[in-house]
Amino acid sequence: MTEQRQRRKLARQHVRKKLGKLANLTVQKKTLQRYETAVATFFAWTSRMYIDFMTVGCIARAAEQWISDCWEEGEPLSVAADTLSGLQYFEPELKGHLKQAWRLVGTWRQEEPPTRAPPI
């Protein structure tokens, strides 16, 4: 390896060391905090509902019910979306198994107009 290539490699290592672990850079800290809050709320709800997670299908059905309950209770859409995104972030094997829950979120987006600031 040439001296110039070695210096570039060391420079990249230095920059990357400052940035931290690659896995920790996949989402912003604020986003991660939202995911943690939403998923913790979801699991508190499942505990109150006595829902036991034996399979991925059980989690998927619980997520569908959670989305429906959020809708009925007047929760903001962001709570529902953050919950599903957080579940998939913390448990990547759930990706692709929450299709019906995501479909409910999509319907919610279509049916509820976004909150906008009034014109000046």
PDB file of N, CA and C in Angstrom:
ATOM      1  N   MET A   1       0.850  -1.161   0.000  1.00  0.00           N
ATOM      2  CA  MET A   1       0.000   0.000   0.000  1.00  0.00           C
ATOM      3  C   MET A   1       0.910   1.242   0.000  1.00  0.00           C
ATOM      4  N   THR A   2       0.584   2.184  -0.841  1.00  0.00           N
ATOM      5  CA  THR A   2       1.417   3.383  -0.913  1.00  0.00           C
ATOM      6  C   THR A   2       1.187   4.256   0.314  1.00  0.00           C
ATOM      7  N   GLU A   3       2.131   5.147   0.542  1.00  0.00           N
ATOM      8  CA  GLU A   3       2.042   6.036   1.705  1.00  0.00           C
ATOM      9  C   GLU A   3       0.816   6.944   1.619  1.00  0.00           C
ATOM     10  N   GLN A   4       0.495   7.405   0.433  1.00  0.00           N
ATOM     11  CA  GLN A   4      -0.657   8.284   0.245  1.00  0.00           C
ATOM     12  C   GLN A   4      -1.963   7.541   0.555  1.00  0.00           C
ATOM     13  N   ARG A   5      -2.078   6.325   0.096  1.00  0.00           N
ATOM     14  CA  ARG A   5      -3.273   5.514   0.375  1.00  0.00           C
ATOM     15  C   ARG A   5      -3.397   5.248   1.866  1.00  0.00           C
ATOM     16  N   GLN A   6      -2.292   5.002   2.518  1.00  0.00           N
ATOM     17  CA  GLN A   6      -2.296   4.746   3.951  1.00  0.00           C
ATOM     18  C   GLN A   6      -2.785   5.986   4.708  1.00  0.00           C
ATOM     19  N   ARG A   7      -2.325   7.182   4.303  1.00  0.00           N
ATOM     20  CA  ARG A   7      -2.768   8.421   4.965  1.00  0.00           C
ATOM     21  C   ARG A   7      -4.265   8.643   4.773  1.00  0.00           C
ATOM     22  N   ARG A   8      -4.759   8.389   3.569  1.00  0.00           N
ATOM     23  CA  ARG A   8      -6.205   8.541   3.314  1.00  0.00           C
ATOM     24  C   ARG A   8      -7.011   7.562   4.166  1.00  0.00           C
ATOM     25  N   LYS A   9      -6.494   6.358   4.287  1.00  0.00           N
ATOM     26  CA  LYS A   9      -7.184   5.348   5.104  1.00  0.00           C
ATOM     27  C   LYS A   9      -7.219   5.800   6.564  1.00  0.00           C
ATOM     28  N   LEU A  10      -6.115   6.280   7.079  1.00  0.00           N
ATOM     29  CA  LEU A  10      -6.068   6.761   8.461  1.00  0.00           C
ATOM     30  C   LEU A  10      -6.992   7.956   8.660  1.00  0.00           C
ATOM     31  N   ALA A  11      -7.063   8.842   7.667  1.00  0.00           N
ATOM     32  CA  ALA A  11      -7.964   9.995   7.755  1.00  0.00           C
ATOM     33  C   ALA A  11      -9.420   9.540   7.814  1.00  0.00           C
ATOM     34  N   ARG A  12      -9.785   8.558   6.981  1.00  0.00           N
ATOM     35  CA  ARG A  12     -11.153   8.022   7.009  1.00  0.00           C
ATOM     36  C   ARG A  12     -11.453   7.389   8.353  1.00  0.00           C
ATOM     37  N   GLN A  13     -10.502   6.640   8.898  1.00  0.00           N
ATOM     38  CA  GLN A  13     -10.687   6.008  10.201  1.00  0.00           C
ATOM     39  C   GLN A  13     -10.935   7.060  11.277  1.00  0.00           C
ATOM     40  N   HIS A  14     -10.185   8.150  11.229  1.00  0.00           N
ATOM     41  CA  HIS A  14     -10.326   9.218  12.212  1.00  0.00           C
ATOM     42  C   HIS A  14     -11.727   9.836  12.136  1.00  0.00           C
ATOM     43  N   VAL A  15     -12.165  10.155  10.929  1.00  0.00           N
ATOM     44  CA  VAL A  15     -13.496  10.747  10.742  1.00  0.00           C
ATOM     45  C   VAL A  15     -14.570   9.785  11.211  1.00  0.00           C
ATOM     46  N   ARG A  16     -14.437   8.536  10.844  1.00  0.00           N
ATOM     47  CA  ARG A  16     -15.447   7.535  11.198  1.00  0.00           C
ATOM     48  C   ARG A  16     -15.482   7.270  12.695  1.00  0.00           C
ATOM     49  N   LYS A  17     -14.328   7.369  13.342  1.00  0.00           N
ATOM     50  CA  LYS A  17     -14.286   7.184  14.790  1.00  0.00           C
ATOM     51  C   LYS A  17     -15.094   8.279  15.479  1.00  0.00           C
ATOM     52  N   LYS A  18     -15.005   9.513  14.955  1.00  0.00           N
ATOM     53  CA  LYS A  18     -15.780  10.626  15.506  1.00  0.00           C
ATOM     54  C   LYS A  18     -17.282  10.409  15.311  1.00  0.00           C
ATOM     55  N   LEU A  19     -17.653   9.856  14.163  1.00  0.00           N
ATOM     56  CA  LEU A  19     -19.062   9.628  13.860  1.00  0.00           C
ATOM     57  C   LEU A  19     -19.671   8.528  14.721  1.00  0.00           C
ATOM     58  N   GLY A  20     -18.895   7.532  15.075  1.00  0.00           N
ATOM     59  CA  GLY A  20     -19.393   6.436  15.892  1.00  0.00           C
ATOM     60  C   GLY A  20     -19.694   5.198  15.067  1.00  0.00           C
ATOM     61  N   LYS A  21     -20.381   4.266  15.698  1.00  0.00           N
ATOM     62  CA  LYS A  21     -20.722   2.997  15.055  1.00  0.00           C
ATOM     63  C   LYS A  21     -21.679   3.225  13.887  1.00  0.00           C
ATOM     64  N   LEU A  22     -21.455   2.504  12.815  1.00  0.00           N
ATOM     65  CA  LEU A  22     -22.278   2.629  11.619  1.00  0.00           C
ATOM     66  C   LEU A  22     -23.748   2.307  11.918  1.00  0.00           C
ATOM     67  N   ALA A  23     -23.987   1.285  12.720  1.00  0.00           N
ATOM     68  CA  ALA A  23     -25.361   0.892  13.046  1.00  0.00           C
ATOM     69  C   ALA A  23     -26.114   2.005  13.776  1.00  0.00           C
ATOM     70  N   ASN A  24     -25.404   2.846  14.514  1.00  0.00           N
ATOM     71  CA  ASN A  24     -26.051   3.935  15.251  1.00  0.00           C
ATOM     72  C   ASN A  24     -26.358   5.134  14.370  1.00  0.00           C
ATOM     73  N   LEU A  25     -25.921   5.114  13.126  1.00  0.00           N
ATOM     74  CA  LEU A  25     -26.125   6.247  12.221  1.00  0.00           C
ATOM     75  C   LEU A  25     -27.284   6.031  11.258  1.00  0.00           C
ATOM     76  N   THR A  26     -28.001   4.922  11.391  1.00  0.00           N
ATOM     77  CA  THR A  26     -29.068   4.621  10.436  1.00  0.00           C
ATOM     78  C   THR A  26     -30.276   5.535  10.611  1.00  0.00           C
ATOM     79  N   VAL A  27     -30.514   6.020  11.814  1.00  0.00           N
ATOM     80  CA  VAL A  27     -31.590   6.990  12.058  1.00  0.00           C
ATOM     81  C   VAL A  27     -31.049   8.100  12.958  1.00  0.00           C
ATOM     82  N   GLN A  28     -31.653   9.269  12.849  1.00  0.00           N
ATOM     83  CA  GLN A  28     -31.261  10.400  13.683  1.00  0.00           C
ATOM     84  C   GLN A  28     -31.662  10.135  15.139  1.00  0.00           C
ATOM     85  N   LYS A  29     -30.975  10.788  16.071  1.00  0.00           N
ATOM     86  CA  LYS A  29     -31.255  10.594  17.494  1.00  0.00           C
ATOM     87  C   LYS A  29     -32.693  10.948  17.852  1.00  0.00           C
ATOM     88  N   LYS A  30     -33.214  12.032  17.283  1.00  0.00           N
ATOM     89  CA  LYS A  30     -34.598  12.425  17.563  1.00  0.00           C
ATOM     90  C   LYS A  30     -35.576  11.356  17.070  1.00  0.00           C
ATOM     91  N   THR A  31     -35.290  10.816  15.905  1.00  0.00           N
ATOM     92  CA  THR A  31     -36.144   9.764  15.350  1.00  0.00           C
ATOM     93  C   THR A  31     -36.097   8.533  16.245  1.00  0.00           C
ATOM     94  N   LEU A  32     -34.909   8.170  16.690  1.00  0.00           N
ATOM     95  CA  LEU A  32     -34.762   7.025  17.580  1.00  0.00           C
ATOM     96  C   LEU A  32     -35.538   7.235  18.873  1.00  0.00           C
ATOM     97  N   GLN A  33     -35.512   8.429  19.407  1.00  0.00           N
ATOM     98  CA  GLN A  33     -36.268   8.728  20.628  1.00  0.00           C
ATOM     99  C   GLN A  33     -37.767   8.583  20.386  1.00  0.00           C
ATOM    100  N   ARG A  34     -38.246   9.057  19.229  1.00  0.00           N
ATOM    101  CA  ARG A  34     -39.663   8.896  18.903  1.00  0.00           C
ATOM    102  C   ARG A  34     -40.023   7.415  18.801  1.00  0.00           C
ATOM    103  N   TYR A  35     -39.171   6.638  18.127  1.00  0.00           N
ATOM    104  CA  TYR A  35     -39.409   5.197  18.003  1.00  0.00           C
ATOM    105  C   TYR A  35     -39.470   4.535  19.378  1.00  0.00           C
ATOM    106  N   GLU A  36     -38.512   4.861  20.234  1.00  0.00           N
ATOM    107  CA  GLU A  36     -38.476   4.256  21.571  1.00  0.00           C
ATOM    108  C   GLU A  36     -39.741   4.569  22.354  1.00  0.00           C
ATOM    109  N   THR A  37     -40.174   5.826  22.302  1.00  0.00           N
ATOM    110  CA  THR A  37     -41.388   6.232  23.019  1.00  0.00           C
ATOM    111  C   THR A  37     -42.610   5.506  22.471  1.00  0.00           C
ATOM    112  N   ALA A  38     -42.741   5.472  21.154  1.00  0.00           N
ATOM    113  CA  ALA A  38     -43.904   4.843  20.533  1.00  0.00           C
ATOM    114  C   ALA A  38     -43.949   3.346  20.815  1.00  0.00           C
ATOM    115  N   VAL A  39     -42.814   2.680  20.691  1.00  0.00           N
ATOM    116  CA  VAL A  39     -42.776   1.226  20.921  1.00  0.00           C
ATOM    117  C   VAL A  39     -43.026   0.913  22.401  1.00  0.00           C
ATOM    118  N   ALA A  40     -42.491   1.730  23.293  1.00  0.00           N
ATOM    119  CA  ALA A  40     -42.740   1.519  24.731  1.00  0.00           C
ATOM    120  C   ALA A  40     -44.231   1.675  25.035  1.00  0.00           C
ATOM    121  N   THR A  41     -44.863   2.653  24.420  1.00  0.00           N
ATOM    122  CA  THR A  41     -46.305   2.852  24.612  1.00  0.00           C
ATOM    123  C   THR A  41     -47.084   1.665  24.062  1.00  0.00           C
ATOM    124  N   PHE A  42     -46.667   1.169  22.911  1.00  0.00           N
ATOM    125  CA  PHE A  42     -47.307  -0.006  22.314  1.00  0.00           C
ATOM    126  C   PHE A  42     -47.207  -1.214  23.242  1.00  0.00           C
ATOM    127  N   PHE A  43     -46.008  -1.466  23.784  1.00  0.00           N
ATOM    128  CA  PHE A  43     -45.843  -2.620  24.666  1.00  0.00           C
ATOM    129  C   PHE A  43     -46.584  -2.446  25.987  1.00  0.00           C
ATOM    130  N   ALA A  44     -46.698  -1.223  26.473  1.00  0.00           N
ATOM    131  CA  ALA A  44     -47.505  -0.982  27.676  1.00  0.00           C
ATOM    132  C   ALA A  44     -48.967  -1.303  27.377  1.00  0.00           C
ATOM    133  N   TRP A  45     -49.429  -0.909  26.189  1.00  0.00           N
ATOM    134  CA  TRP A  45     -50.804  -1.204  25.769  1.00  0.00           C
ATOM    135  C   TRP A  45     -51.019  -2.711  25.655  1.00  0.00           C
ATOM    136  N   THR A  46     -50.061  -3.423  25.036  1.00  0.00           N
ATOM    137  CA  THR A  46     -50.218  -4.878  24.888  1.00  0.00           C
ATOM    138  C   THR A  46     -50.243  -5.557  26.257  1.00  0.00           C
ATOM    139  N   SER A  47     -49.501  -5.021  27.198  1.00  0.00           N
ATOM    140  CA  SER A  47     -49.492  -5.582  28.551  1.00  0.00           C
ATOM    141  C   SER A  47     -50.861  -5.397  29.212  1.00  0.00           C
ATOM    142  N   ARG A  48     -51.431  -4.208  29.055  1.00  0.00           N
ATOM    143  CA  ARG A  48     -52.761  -3.955  29.626  1.00  0.00           C
ATOM    144  C   ARG A  48     -53.827  -4.810  28.960  1.00  0.00           C
ATOM    145  N   MET A  49     -53.622  -5.127  27.681  1.00  0.00           N
ATOM    146  CA  MET A  49     -54.595  -5.925  26.938  1.00  0.00           C
ATOM    147  C   MET A  49     -54.332  -7.433  27.087  1.00  0.00           C
ATOM    148  N   TYR A  50     -53.310  -7.781  27.848  1.00  0.00           N
ATOM    149  CA  TYR A  50     -52.918  -9.185  28.057  1.00  0.00           C
ATOM    150  C   TYR A  50     -52.627  -9.910  26.751  1.00  0.00           C
ATOM    151  N   ILE A  51     -51.926  -9.221  25.871  1.00  0.00           N
ATOM    152  CA  ILE A  51     -51.542  -9.814  24.590  1.00  0.00           C
ATOM    153  C   ILE A  51     -50.175 -10.456  24.760  1.00  0.00           C
ATOM    154  N   ASP A  52     -50.091 -11.730  24.399  1.00  0.00           N
ATOM    155  CA  ASP A  52     -48.844 -12.480  24.504  1.00  0.00           C
ATOM    156  C   ASP A  52     -48.290 -12.692  23.102  1.00  0.00           C
ATOM    157  N   PHE A  53     -47.001 -12.448  22.950  1.00  0.00           N
ATOM    158  CA  PHE A  53     -46.375 -12.576  21.642  1.00  0.00           C
ATOM    159  C   PHE A  53     -45.731 -13.953  21.493  1.00  0.00           C
ATOM    160  N   MET A  54     -46.406 -14.820  20.782  1.00  0.00           N
ATOM    161  CA  MET A  54     -45.854 -16.146  20.533  1.00  0.00           C
ATOM    162  C   MET A  54     -45.254 -16.225  19.129  1.00  0.00           C
ATOM    163  N   THR A  55     -45.828 -15.483  18.204  1.00  0.00           N
ATOM    164  CA  THR A  55     -45.375 -15.532  16.815  1.00  0.00           C
ATOM    165  C   THR A  55     -45.353 -14.131  16.220  1.00  0.00           C
ATOM    166  N   VAL A  56     -44.745 -14.021  15.060  1.00  0.00           N
ATOM    167  CA  VAL A  56     -44.746 -12.755  14.329  1.00  0.00           C
ATOM    168  C   VAL A  56     -46.182 -12.371  13.983  1.00  0.00           C
ATOM    169  N   GLY A  57     -47.006 -13.356  13.677  1.00  0.00           N
ATOM    170  CA  GLY A  57     -48.410 -13.098  13.368  1.00  0.00           C
ATOM    171  C   GLY A  57     -49.144 -12.456  14.533  1.00  0.00           C
ATOM    172  N   CYS A  58     -48.812 -12.858  15.752  1.00  0.00           N
ATOM    173  CA  CYS A  58     -49.430 -12.256  16.939  1.00  0.00           C
ATOM    174  C   CYS A  58     -49.046 -10.787  17.052  1.00  0.00           C
ATOM    175  N   ILE A  59     -47.794 -10.484  16.785  1.00  0.00           N
ATOM    176  CA  ILE A  59     -47.340  -9.099  16.836  1.00  0.00           C
ATOM    177  C   ILE A  59     -48.043  -8.291  15.746  1.00  0.00           C
ATOM    178  N   ALA A  60     -48.168  -8.873  14.562  1.00  0.00           N
ATOM    179  CA  ALA A  60     -48.823  -8.182  13.447  1.00  0.00           C
ATOM    180  C   ALA A  60     -50.282  -7.875  13.777  1.00  0.00           C
ATOM    181  N   ARG A  61     -50.985  -8.839  14.339  1.00  0.00           N
ATOM    182  CA  ARG A  61     -52.390  -8.612  14.703  1.00  0.00           C
ATOM    183  C   ARG A  61     -52.507  -7.585  15.819  1.00  0.00           C
ATOM    184  N   ALA A  62     -51.587  -7.624  16.777  1.00  0.00           N
ATOM    185  CA  ALA A  62     -51.591  -6.635  17.859  1.00  0.00           C
ATOM    186  C   ALA A  62     -51.336  -5.241  17.292  1.00  0.00           C
ATOM    187  N   ALA A  63     -50.438  -5.138  16.329  1.00  0.00           N
ATOM    188  CA  ALA A  63     -50.146  -3.840  15.713  1.00  0.00           C
ATOM    189  C   ALA A  63     -51.373  -3.300  14.984  1.00  0.00           C
ATOM    190  N   GLU A  64     -52.102  -4.168  14.306  1.00  0.00           N
ATOM    191  CA  GLU A  64     -53.327  -3.747  13.620  1.00  0.00           C
ATOM    192  C   GLU A  64     -54.334  -3.196  14.626  1.00  0.00           C
ATOM    193  N   GLN A  65     -54.512  -3.910  15.727  1.00  0.00           N
ATOM    194  CA  GLN A  65     -55.458  -3.464  16.752  1.00  0.00           C
ATOM    195  C   GLN A  65     -54.998  -2.158  17.380  1.00  0.00           C
ATOM    196  N   TRP A  66     -53.684  -2.023  17.594  1.00  0.00           N
ATOM    197  CA  TRP A  66     -53.112  -0.795  18.146  1.00  0.00           C
ATOM    198  C   TRP A  66     -53.413   0.399  17.235  1.00  0.00           C
ATOM    199  N   ILE A  67     -53.232   0.216  15.937  1.00  0.00           N
ATOM    200  CA  ILE A  67     -53.488   1.298  14.982  1.00  0.00           C
ATOM    201  C   ILE A  67     -54.964   1.684  15.033  1.00  0.00           C
ATOM    202  N   SER A  68     -55.831   0.695  15.068  1.00  0.00           N
ATOM    203  CA  SER A  68     -57.276   0.971  15.157  1.00  0.00           C
ATOM    204  C   SER A  68     -57.611   1.715  16.447  1.00  0.00           C
ATOM    205  N   ASP A  69     -57.017   1.299  17.556  1.00  0.00           N
ATOM    206  CA  ASP A  69     -57.267   1.963  18.831  1.00  0.00           C
ATOM    207  C   ASP A  69     -56.740   3.399  18.820  1.00  0.00           C
ATOM    208  N   CYS A  70     -55.575   3.609  18.223  1.00  0.00           N
ATOM    209  CA  CYS A  70     -55.036   4.977  18.114  1.00  0.00           C
ATOM    210  C   CYS A  70     -55.999   5.868  17.340  1.00  0.00           C
ATOM    211  N   TRP A  71     -56.548   5.336  16.263  1.00  0.00           N
ATOM    212  CA  TRP A  71     -57.512   6.078  15.449  1.00  0.00           C
ATOM    213  C   TRP A  71     -58.728   6.453  16.283  1.00  0.00           C
ATOM    214  N   GLU A  72     -59.286   5.459  16.991  1.00  0.00           N
ATOM    215  CA  GLU A  72     -60.495   5.683  17.774  1.00  0.00           C
ATOM    216  C   GLU A  72     -60.259   6.608  18.971  1.00  0.00           C
ATOM    217  N   GLU A  73     -59.069   6.567  19.535  1.00  0.00           N
ATOM    218  CA  GLU A  73     -58.760   7.386  20.711  1.00  0.00           C
ATOM    219  C   GLU A  73     -58.323   8.800  20.349  1.00  0.00           C
ATOM    220  N   GLY A  74     -58.191   9.092  19.057  1.00  0.00           N
ATOM    221  CA  GLY A  74     -57.820  10.435  18.634  1.00  0.00           C
ATOM    222  C   GLY A  74     -56.330  10.726  18.685  1.00  0.00           C
ATOM    223  N   GLU A  75     -55.515   9.684  18.712  1.00  0.00           N
ATOM    224  CA  GLU A  75     -54.058   9.879  18.699  1.00  0.00           C
ATOM    225  C   GLU A  75     -53.619  10.442  17.357  1.00  0.00           C
ATOM    226  N   PRO A  76     -52.500  11.139  17.327  1.00  0.00           N
ATOM    227  CA  PRO A  76     -52.009  11.634  16.025  1.00  0.00           C
ATOM    228  C   PRO A  76     -51.467  10.488  15.172  1.00  0.00           C
ATOM    229  N   LEU A  77     -51.530  10.679  13.885  1.00  0.00           N
ATOM    230  CA  LEU A  77     -51.031   9.692  12.929  1.00  0.00           C
ATOM    231  C   LEU A  77     -49.565   9.362  13.190  1.00  0.00           C
ATOM    232  N   SER A  78     -48.801  10.341  13.625  1.00  0.00           N
ATOM    233  CA  SER A  78     -47.365  10.123  13.853  1.00  0.00           C
ATOM    234  C   SER A  78     -47.105   9.033  14.885  1.00  0.00           C
ATOM    235  N   VAL A  79     -47.973   8.892  15.872  1.00  0.00           N
ATOM    236  CA  VAL A  79     -47.802   7.838  16.879  1.00  0.00           C
ATOM    237  C   VAL A  79     -47.912   6.468  16.224  1.00  0.00           C
ATOM    238  N   ALA A  80     -48.904   6.304  15.368  1.00  0.00           N
ATOM    239  CA  ALA A  80     -49.097   5.027  14.681  1.00  0.00           C
ATOM    240  C   ALA A  80     -47.915   4.708  13.772  1.00  0.00           C
ATOM    241  N   ALA A  81     -47.495   5.680  12.982  1.00  0.00           N
ATOM    242  CA  ALA A  81     -46.391   5.457  12.048  1.00  0.00           C
ATOM    243  C   ALA A  81     -45.078   5.216  12.793  1.00  0.00           C
ATOM    244  N   ASP A  82     -44.836   5.979  13.862  1.00  0.00           N
ATOM    245  CA  ASP A  82     -43.613   5.781  14.649  1.00  0.00           C
ATOM    246  C   ASP A  82     -43.589   4.410  15.308  1.00  0.00           C
ATOM    247  N   THR A  83     -44.746   3.919  15.728  1.00  0.00           N
ATOM    248  CA  THR A  83     -44.806   2.594  16.344  1.00  0.00           C
ATOM    249  C   THR A  83     -44.397   1.519  15.347  1.00  0.00           C
ATOM    250  N   LEU A  84     -44.983   1.552  14.159  1.00  0.00           N
ATOM    251  CA  LEU A  84     -44.653   0.535  13.162  1.00  0.00           C
ATOM    252  C   LEU A  84     -43.209   0.652  12.711  1.00  0.00           C
ATOM    253  N   SER A  85     -42.761   1.875  12.476  1.00  0.00           N
ATOM    254  CA  SER A  85     -41.362   2.074  12.072  1.00  0.00           C
ATOM    255  C   SER A  85     -40.415   1.611  13.169  1.00  0.00           C
ATOM    256  N   GLY A  86     -40.751   1.925  14.406  1.00  0.00           N
ATOM    257  CA  GLY A  86     -39.920   1.511  15.535  1.00  0.00           C
ATOM    258  C   GLY A  86     -39.876   0.007  15.700  1.00  0.00           C
ATOM    259  N   LEU A  87     -41.020  -0.645  15.565  1.00  0.00           N
ATOM    260  CA  LEU A  87     -41.038  -2.110  15.655  1.00  0.00           C
ATOM    261  C   LEU A  87     -40.117  -2.718  14.608  1.00  0.00           C
ATOM    262  N   GLN A  88     -40.183  -2.202  13.392  1.00  0.00           N
ATOM    263  CA  GLN A  88     -39.336  -2.731  12.325  1.00  0.00           C
ATOM    264  C   GLN A  88     -37.870  -2.352  12.524  1.00  0.00           C
ATOM    265  N   TYR A  89     -37.613  -1.217  13.137  1.00  0.00           N
ATOM    266  CA  TYR A  89     -36.232  -0.804  13.391  1.00  0.00           C
ATOM    267  C   TYR A  89     -35.598  -1.698  14.455  1.00  0.00           C
ATOM    268  N   PHE A  90     -36.315  -1.908  15.554  1.00  0.00           N
ATOM    269  CA  PHE A  90     -35.757  -2.691  16.653  1.00  0.00           C
ATOM    270  C   PHE A  90     -35.797  -4.195  16.386  1.00  0.00           C
ATOM    271  N   GLU A  91     -36.745  -4.641  15.582  1.00  0.00           N
ATOM    272  CA  GLU A  91     -36.861  -6.058  15.221  1.00  0.00           C
ATOM    273  C   GLU A  91     -36.965  -6.165  13.696  1.00  0.00           C
ATOM    274  N   PRO A  92     -35.839  -6.106  12.982  1.00  0.00           N
ATOM    275  CA  PRO A  92     -35.875  -6.086  11.509  1.00  0.00           C
ATOM    276  C   PRO A  92     -36.615  -7.262  10.884  1.00  0.00           C
ATOM    277  N   GLU A  93     -36.697  -8.390  11.586  1.00  0.00           N
ATOM    278  CA  GLU A  93     -37.406  -9.538  11.006  1.00  0.00           C
ATOM    279  C   GLU A  93     -38.908  -9.287  10.877  1.00  0.00           C
ATOM    280  N   LEU A  94     -39.424  -8.224  11.504  1.00  0.00           N
ATOM    281  CA  LEU A  94     -40.841  -7.883  11.352  1.00  0.00           C
ATOM    282  C   LEU A  94     -41.135  -7.214  10.013  1.00  0.00           C
ATOM    283  N   LYS A  95     -40.106  -6.712   9.364  1.00  0.00           N
ATOM    284  CA  LYS A  95     -40.303  -6.027   8.089  1.00  0.00           C
ATOM    285  C   LYS A  95     -40.976  -6.980   7.098  1.00  0.00           C
ATOM    286  N   GLY A  96     -42.039  -6.508   6.510  1.00  0.00           N
ATOM    287  CA  GLY A  96     -42.794  -7.335   5.571  1.00  0.00           C
ATOM    288  C   GLY A  96     -43.923  -8.112   6.225  1.00  0.00           C
ATOM    289  N   HIS A  97     -43.984  -8.100   7.557  1.00  0.00           N
ATOM    290  CA  HIS A  97     -45.033  -8.833   8.269  1.00  0.00           C
ATOM    291  C   HIS A  97     -46.106  -7.911   8.852  1.00  0.00           C
ATOM    292  N   LEU A  98     -45.924  -6.620   8.715  1.00  0.00           N
ATOM    293  CA  LEU A  98     -46.877  -5.664   9.269  1.00  0.00           C
ATOM    294  C   LEU A  98     -47.681  -4.986   8.157  1.00  0.00           C
ATOM    295  N   LYS A  99     -47.901  -5.712   7.079  1.00  0.00           N
ATOM    296  CA  LYS A  99     -48.538  -5.132   5.890  1.00  0.00           C
ATOM    297  C   LYS A  99     -49.927  -4.568   6.174  1.00  0.00           C
ATOM    298  N   GLN A 100     -50.740  -5.314   6.902  1.00  0.00           N
ATOM    299  CA  GLN A 100     -52.099  -4.837   7.173  1.00  0.00           C
ATOM    300  C   GLN A 100     -52.074  -3.607   8.076  1.00  0.00           C
ATOM    301  N   ALA A 101     -51.181  -3.578   9.043  1.00  0.00           N
ATOM    302  CA  ALA A 101     -51.064  -2.405   9.915  1.00  0.00           C
ATOM    303  C   ALA A 101     -50.632  -1.189   9.098  1.00  0.00           C
ATOM    304  N   TRP A 102     -49.674  -1.375   8.188  1.00  0.00           N
ATOM    305  CA  TRP A 102     -49.250  -0.267   7.324  1.00  0.00           C
ATOM    306  C   TRP A 102     -50.386   0.151   6.403  1.00  0.00           C
ATOM    307  N   ARG A 103     -51.203  -0.792   5.965  1.00  0.00           N
ATOM    308  CA  ARG A 103     -52.350  -0.462   5.116  1.00  0.00           C
ATOM    309  C   ARG A 103     -53.330   0.429   5.878  1.00  0.00           C
ATOM    310  N   LEU A 104     -53.532   0.129   7.168  1.00  0.00           N
ATOM    311  CA  LEU A 104     -54.402   0.971   7.995  1.00  0.00           C
ATOM    312  C   LEU A 104     -53.829   2.383   8.129  1.00  0.00           C
ATOM    313  N   VAL A 105     -52.522   2.478   8.311  1.00  0.00           N
ATOM    314  CA  VAL A 105     -51.875   3.792   8.401  1.00  0.00           C
ATOM    315  C   VAL A 105     -52.047   4.551   7.082  1.00  0.00           C
ATOM    316  N   GLY A 106     -51.916   3.854   5.969  1.00  0.00           N
ATOM    317  CA  GLY A 106     -52.115   4.482   4.664  1.00  0.00           C
ATOM    318  C   GLY A 106     -53.533   5.005   4.487  1.00  0.00           C
ATOM    319  N   THR A 107     -54.508   4.225   4.924  1.00  0.00           N
ATOM    320  CA  THR A 107     -55.904   4.665   4.855  1.00  0.00           C
ATOM    321  C   THR A 107     -56.115   5.881   5.751  1.00  0.00           C
ATOM    322  N   TRP A 108     -55.519   5.842   6.925  1.00  0.00           N
ATOM    323  CA  TRP A 108     -55.596   6.965   7.853  1.00  0.00           C
ATOM    324  C   TRP A 108     -55.063   8.232   7.188  1.00  0.00           C
ATOM    325  N   ARG A 109     -53.929   8.129   6.523  1.00  0.00           N
ATOM    326  CA  ARG A 109     -53.332   9.280   5.824  1.00  0.00           C
ATOM    327  C   ARG A 109     -54.274   9.847   4.762  1.00  0.00           C
ATOM    328  N   GLN A 110     -54.973   8.956   4.066  1.00  0.00           N
ATOM    329  CA  GLN A 110     -55.885   9.396   3.006  1.00  0.00           C
ATOM    330  C   GLN A 110     -57.130  10.066   3.566  1.00  0.00           C
ATOM    331  N   GLU A 111     -57.646   9.515   4.653  1.00  0.00           N
ATOM    332  CA  GLU A 111     -58.934   9.975   5.183  1.00  0.00           C
ATOM    333  C   GLU A 111     -58.838  11.205   6.068  1.00  0.00           C
ATOM    334  N   GLU A 112     -57.699  11.409   6.709  1.00  0.00           N
ATOM    335  CA  GLU A 112     -57.565  12.543   7.618  1.00  0.00           C
ATOM    336  C   GLU A 112     -56.687  13.608   6.982  1.00  0.00           C
ATOM    337  N   PRO A 113     -57.229  14.787   6.771  1.00  0.00           N
ATOM    338  CA  PRO A 113     -56.398  15.830   6.167  1.00  0.00           C
ATOM    339  C   PRO A 113     -55.265  16.224   7.109  1.00  0.00           C
ATOM    340  N   PRO A 114     -54.120  16.574   6.555  1.00  0.00           N
ATOM    341  CA  PRO A 114     -52.993  16.948   7.407  1.00  0.00           C
ATOM    342  C   PRO A 114     -53.282  18.243   8.158  1.00  0.00           C
ATOM    343  N   THR A 115     -52.712  18.373   9.341  1.00  0.00           N
ATOM    344  CA  THR A 115     -52.837  19.587  10.120  1.00  0.00           C
ATOM    345  C   THR A 115     -51.892  20.624   9.533  1.00  0.00           C
ATOM    346  N   ARG A 116     -52.438  21.754   9.179  1.00  0.00           N
ATOM    347  CA  ARG A 116     -51.622  22.803   8.569  1.00  0.00           C
ATOM    348  C   ARG A 116     -51.819  24.096   9.338  1.00  0.00           C
ATOM    349  N   ALA A 117     -50.812  24.919   9.275  1.00  0.00           N
ATOM    350  CA  ALA A 117     -50.910  26.239   9.908  1.00  0.00           C
ATOM    351  C   ALA A 117     -51.854  27.118   9.099  1.00  0.00           C
ATOM    352  N   PRO A 118     -52.616  27.964   9.784  1.00  0.00           N
ATOM    353  CA  PRO A 118     -53.524  28.857   9.038  1.00  0.00           C
ATOM    354  C   PRO A 118     -52.721  29.886   8.237  1.00  0.00           C
ATOM    355  N   PRO A 119     -53.265  30.337   7.132  1.00  0.00           N
ATOM    356  CA  PRO A 119     -52.549  31.345   6.332  1.00  0.00           C
ATOM    357  C   PRO A 119     -52.407  32.655   7.114  1.00  0.00           C
ATOM    358  N   ILE A 120     -51.360  33.368   6.802  1.00  0.00           N
ATOM    359  CA  ILE A 120     -51.097  34.645   7.506  1.00  0.00           C
ATOM    360  C   ILE A 120     -52.027  35.724   7.017  1.00  0.00           C
TER     361      ILE A 120
END
